[in-house]
Amino acid sequence: MVNLEDYGYVQSIYSCEMSGIPARITADHKERYELVCEYGQSYGRLKAGIYYGEGCESFPTTGDFVLIQYNDIGDSQIVKTLKRKSKFARNDFSGHAAGYVKTVKEQVVASNFDYVFIMASLNHDFNLKRIERYLILAWQSGAVPVVVLTKADLVEDFKEQVSAVEKIAAGVGVYVVCVRTEYGIDKLSDYLKPCKTIVFLGTKRLPSCGRIDP
């Protein structure tokens, strides 16, 4: 049996909403979802009557806790999306209301994370304004931002860059690391704990689909 608390589930938060088996979405494949629940890893699909047509349930995404009707010989049915403590979202411009008026909807792309690791290289790609924008996004998500400055081996002295980041990131942890030499990696251990979820925010894009492991 799997203990869902290892994946960040807090039963006391959701006890009043229980009408199925709790699970967490570990990967989003559009119409099919990878799940983990007390019975282990499985797959699930949305129950049409709840999520489509007149249904008003929020579509789940990677990181969401949901309630399922478990099926041990096939895909389980996802029947409810539980409330989120944090999220990254973007505008969805695909829908139109009556009269062809553009309707802007929110599309959640990741949820229920504890920390946002803002990854920034110390080499020529270092951009203070970009880090500042990511800090705003991280705070707005409801999680705690952490700035991780990478590629420490490519610069002779990073003190000025660290000082500049600390000025715009008051109260935020700022760490310098090098994956190749493992410099500074041990200082991140306070964040890498069971029951905690981390998302990574870098120069390419917001997380759109990922996997969550305990």
Protein backbone atom coordinates (compact mmCIF):
# COMPACT_ATOMS: atom_id res chain seq x y z
CA MET A 1 0.00 0.00 0.00
CA VAL A 2 1.20 3.52 -0.83
CA ASN A 3 1.06 6.30 1.74
CA LEU A 4 -0.18 9.33 -0.20
CA GLU A 5 1.18 11.62 2.53
CA ASP A 6 4.63 10.88 1.08
CA TYR A 7 3.38 12.74 -1.99
CA GLY A 8 2.28 15.78 0.02
CA TYR A 9 -1.32 14.80 0.75
CA VAL A 10 -2.72 16.23 4.00
CA GLN A 11 -5.89 14.38 4.92
CA SER A 12 -7.14 16.97 7.40
CA ILE A 13 -7.38 19.59 4.64
CA TYR A 14 -9.64 17.51 2.42
CA SER A 15 -11.59 15.34 4.90
CA CYS A 16 -14.84 17.23 4.30
CA GLU A 17 -14.64 16.61 0.55
CA MET A 18 -14.18 12.85 0.63
CA SER A 19 -16.47 11.00 -1.75
CA GLY A 20 -13.91 8.76 -3.41
CA ILE A 21 -10.33 7.55 -3.10
CA PRO A 22 -7.73 10.36 -2.98
CA ALA A 23 -4.97 10.29 -5.58
CA ARG A 24 -2.34 12.63 -6.97
CA ILE A 25 -1.75 13.28 -10.64
CA THR A 26 1.90 12.64 -11.45
CA ALA A 27 1.71 13.25 -15.20
CA ASP A 28 -0.83 14.81 -17.56
CA HIS A 29 -1.31 13.19 -20.97
CA LYS A 30 -4.28 15.34 -22.02
CA GLU A 31 -7.12 12.79 -22.02
CA ARG A 32 -5.36 10.31 -19.75
CA TYR A 33 -3.58 10.89 -16.46
CA GLU A 34 -0.95 9.02 -14.50
CA LEU A 35 -2.00 8.72 -10.87
CA VAL A 36 -0.70 7.49 -7.55
CA CYS A 37 -3.11 6.39 -4.84
CA GLU A 38 -3.12 3.98 -1.92
CA TYR A 39 -3.10 1.07 -4.38
CA GLY A 40 0.01 2.33 -6.19
CA GLN A 41 0.55 3.72 -9.67
CA SER A 42 -2.40 3.70 -12.06
CA TYR A 43 -4.11 5.64 -14.84
CA GLY A 44 -7.28 7.65 -14.86
CA ARG A 45 -9.68 9.49 -17.14
CA LEU A 46 -12.13 12.28 -16.40
CA LYS A 47 -15.74 11.31 -15.70
CA ALA A 48 -17.56 12.96 -18.59
CA GLY A 49 -20.71 13.93 -16.72
CA ILE A 50 -18.67 15.89 -14.17
CA TYR A 51 -16.00 17.56 -16.29
CA TYR A 52 -17.74 18.08 -19.65
CA GLY A 53 -21.00 19.59 -20.83
CA GLU A 54 -22.68 21.34 -17.94
CA GLY A 55 -20.02 20.16 -15.51
CA CYS A 56 -18.20 22.90 -13.62
CA GLU A 57 -15.33 20.94 -12.10
CA SER A 58 -11.84 22.34 -12.73
CA PHE A 59 -9.78 20.23 -15.11
CA PRO A 60 -6.89 18.63 -13.22
CA THR A 61 -3.23 18.98 -14.09
CA THR A 62 0.12 17.67 -12.91
CA GLY A 63 0.34 17.98 -9.13
CA ASP A 64 -3.38 18.06 -8.44
CA PHE A 65 -4.98 15.96 -5.75
CA VAL A 66 -8.17 14.37 -7.01
CA LEU A 67 -10.81 11.90 -5.97
CA ILE A 68 -11.18 8.77 -8.08
CA GLN A 69 -13.41 5.76 -8.49
CA TYR A 70 -10.67 3.17 -8.48
CA ASN A 71 -10.56 0.44 -11.11
CA ASP A 72 -8.01 -2.33 -10.59
CA ILE A 73 -8.40 -3.76 -14.10
CA GLY A 74 -8.42 -0.56 -16.16
CA ASP A 75 -8.46 3.21 -16.00
CA SER A 76 -9.98 4.74 -12.90
CA GLN A 77 -12.49 7.58 -13.15
CA ILE A 78 -11.52 11.00 -11.86
CA VAL A 79 -14.59 12.53 -10.20
CA LYS A 80 -13.32 15.62 -8.40
CA THR A 81 -10.39 18.05 -8.39
CA LEU A 82 -9.49 19.03 -4.83
CA LYS A 83 -8.59 22.60 -3.90
CA ARG A 84 -5.07 23.77 -4.69
CA LYS A 85 -2.60 25.39 -2.32
CA SER A 86 -0.45 26.76 -5.15
CA LYS A 87 -0.51 26.85 -8.93
CA PHE A 88 1.02 28.14 -12.14
CA ALA A 89 -1.59 29.24 -14.66
CA ARG A 90 -1.80 30.98 -18.02
CA ASN A 91 -4.61 32.44 -20.08
CA ASP A 92 -6.46 30.14 -22.45
CA PHE A 93 -7.80 32.11 -25.43
CA SER A 94 -9.31 29.12 -27.21
CA GLY A 95 -12.96 29.58 -26.18
CA HIS A 96 -15.65 31.90 -27.48
CA ALA A 97 -18.89 32.78 -25.74
CA ALA A 98 -22.21 33.43 -27.50
CA GLY A 99 -21.95 36.18 -30.07
CA TYR A 100 -18.31 35.30 -30.75
CA VAL A 101 -17.09 37.34 -27.81
CA LYS A 102 -13.66 36.15 -26.80
CA THR A 103 -13.75 34.35 -23.46
CA VAL A 104 -10.49 34.16 -21.58
CA LYS A 105 -10.15 31.14 -19.32
CA GLU A 106 -7.48 30.12 -16.87
CA GLN A 107 -5.39 27.07 -17.74
CA VAL A 108 -3.54 25.63 -14.76
CA VAL A 109 -0.29 23.92 -15.81
CA ALA A 110 1.12 22.81 -12.43
CA SER A 111 -0.22 22.79 -8.89
CA ASN A 112 0.31 21.96 -5.22
CA PHE A 113 4.03 22.64 -5.08
CA ASP A 114 5.86 23.95 -2.01
CA TYR A 115 8.88 25.61 -3.60
CA VAL A 116 9.69 27.26 -6.91
CA PHE A 117 13.35 26.85 -7.86
CA ILE A 118 14.22 29.80 -10.11
CA MET A 119 17.13 28.54 -12.18
CA ALA A 120 19.51 31.15 -13.59
CA SER A 121 22.93 30.67 -15.14
CA LEU A 122 25.87 32.77 -13.95
CA ASN A 123 27.39 32.88 -17.43
CA HIS A 124 26.46 35.24 -20.29
CA ASP A 125 22.77 34.31 -19.91
CA PHE A 126 22.53 35.96 -16.48
CA ASN A 127 19.61 38.42 -16.53
CA LEU A 128 18.56 40.25 -13.37
CA LYS A 129 15.25 41.53 -14.77
CA ARG A 130 14.27 38.02 -15.83
CA ILE A 131 14.96 36.72 -12.32
CA GLU A 132 12.83 39.55 -10.94
CA ARG A 133 9.92 38.57 -13.23
CA TYR A 134 10.21 34.95 -12.13
CA LEU A 135 10.20 36.02 -8.49
CA ILE A 136 6.88 37.79 -9.06
CA LEU A 137 5.43 34.70 -10.74
CA ALA A 138 6.67 32.49 -7.93
CA TRP A 139 5.14 34.64 -5.18
CA GLN A 140 1.87 34.86 -7.11
CA SER A 141 1.73 31.06 -7.35
CA GLY A 142 1.36 30.71 -3.59
CA ALA A 143 4.63 28.82 -3.12
CA VAL A 144 8.03 29.87 -1.77
CA PRO A 145 10.63 31.02 -4.31
CA VAL A 146 14.26 29.91 -4.15
CA VAL A 147 16.90 31.32 -6.51
CA VAL A 148 19.47 28.80 -7.72
CA LEU A 149 22.39 30.32 -9.64
CA THR A 150 24.03 27.62 -11.75
CA LYS A 151 27.29 27.09 -13.65
CA ALA A 152 29.48 28.52 -10.91
CA ASP A 153 32.49 26.95 -12.60
CA LEU A 154 32.15 29.27 -15.61
CA VAL A 155 32.81 32.50 -13.70
CA GLU A 156 35.82 33.53 -11.64
CA ASP A 157 33.92 35.62 -9.11
CA PHE A 158 30.15 35.58 -8.61
CA LYS A 159 29.93 37.79 -5.51
CA GLU A 160 28.55 40.80 -7.40
CA GLN A 161 25.88 38.73 -9.13
CA VAL A 162 24.79 37.13 -5.86
CA SER A 163 24.64 40.54 -4.18
CA ALA A 164 22.51 41.93 -7.03
CA VAL A 165 20.05 39.02 -6.77
CA GLU A 166 19.82 39.33 -2.99
CA LYS A 167 18.82 42.99 -3.36
CA ILE A 168 15.77 42.14 -5.49
CA ALA A 169 14.96 38.93 -3.61
CA ALA A 170 14.56 40.07 -0.03
CA GLY A 171 13.83 37.15 2.27
CA VAL A 172 14.45 34.61 -0.50
CA GLY A 173 17.15 31.95 -0.36
CA VAL A 174 19.85 32.49 -3.00
CA TYR A 175 22.24 29.63 -3.72
CA VAL A 176 25.18 29.15 -6.05
CA VAL A 177 25.73 25.65 -7.44
CA CYS A 178 27.68 23.72 -10.01
CA VAL A 179 26.29 20.38 -11.10
CA ARG A 180 29.56 19.26 -12.66
CA THR A 181 31.59 19.70 -9.47
CA GLU A 182 28.62 19.37 -7.08
CA TYR A 183 29.58 22.69 -5.51
CA GLY A 184 26.75 24.06 -3.33
CA ILE A 185 24.36 21.16 -3.97
CA ASP A 186 24.38 20.16 -0.31
CA LYS A 187 22.99 23.58 0.66
CA LEU A 188 19.71 22.70 -1.08
CA SER A 189 19.10 19.71 1.19
CA ASP A 190 16.69 21.65 3.43
CA TYR A 191 14.25 21.81 0.50
CA LEU A 192 14.71 18.25 -0.74
CA LYS A 193 12.59 16.48 1.82
CA PRO A 194 9.77 13.92 1.79
CA CYS A 195 6.24 15.27 1.35
CA LYS A 196 7.54 18.39 -0.42
CA THR A 197 7.15 19.22 -4.11
CA ILE A 198 9.42 21.49 -6.15
CA VAL A 199 8.87 23.01 -9.57
CA PHE A 200 11.64 24.50 -11.68
CA LEU A 201 11.28 27.83 -13.45
CA GLY A 202 13.89 28.75 -16.04
CA THR A 203 14.44 30.60 -19.27
CA LYS A 204 12.50 28.29 -21.59
CA ARG A 205 8.92 28.26 -20.33
CA LEU A 206 6.55 27.62 -17.45
CA PRO A 207 6.13 23.96 -16.57
CA SER A 208 3.44 22.53 -18.82
CA CYS A 209 3.71 18.84 -18.10
CA GLY A 210 5.90 17.08 -15.63
CA ARG A 211 6.21 14.20 -13.24
CA ILE A 212 6.01 14.26 -9.47
CA ASP A 213 7.94 11.78 -7.37
CA PRO A 214 8.21 11.66 -3.58
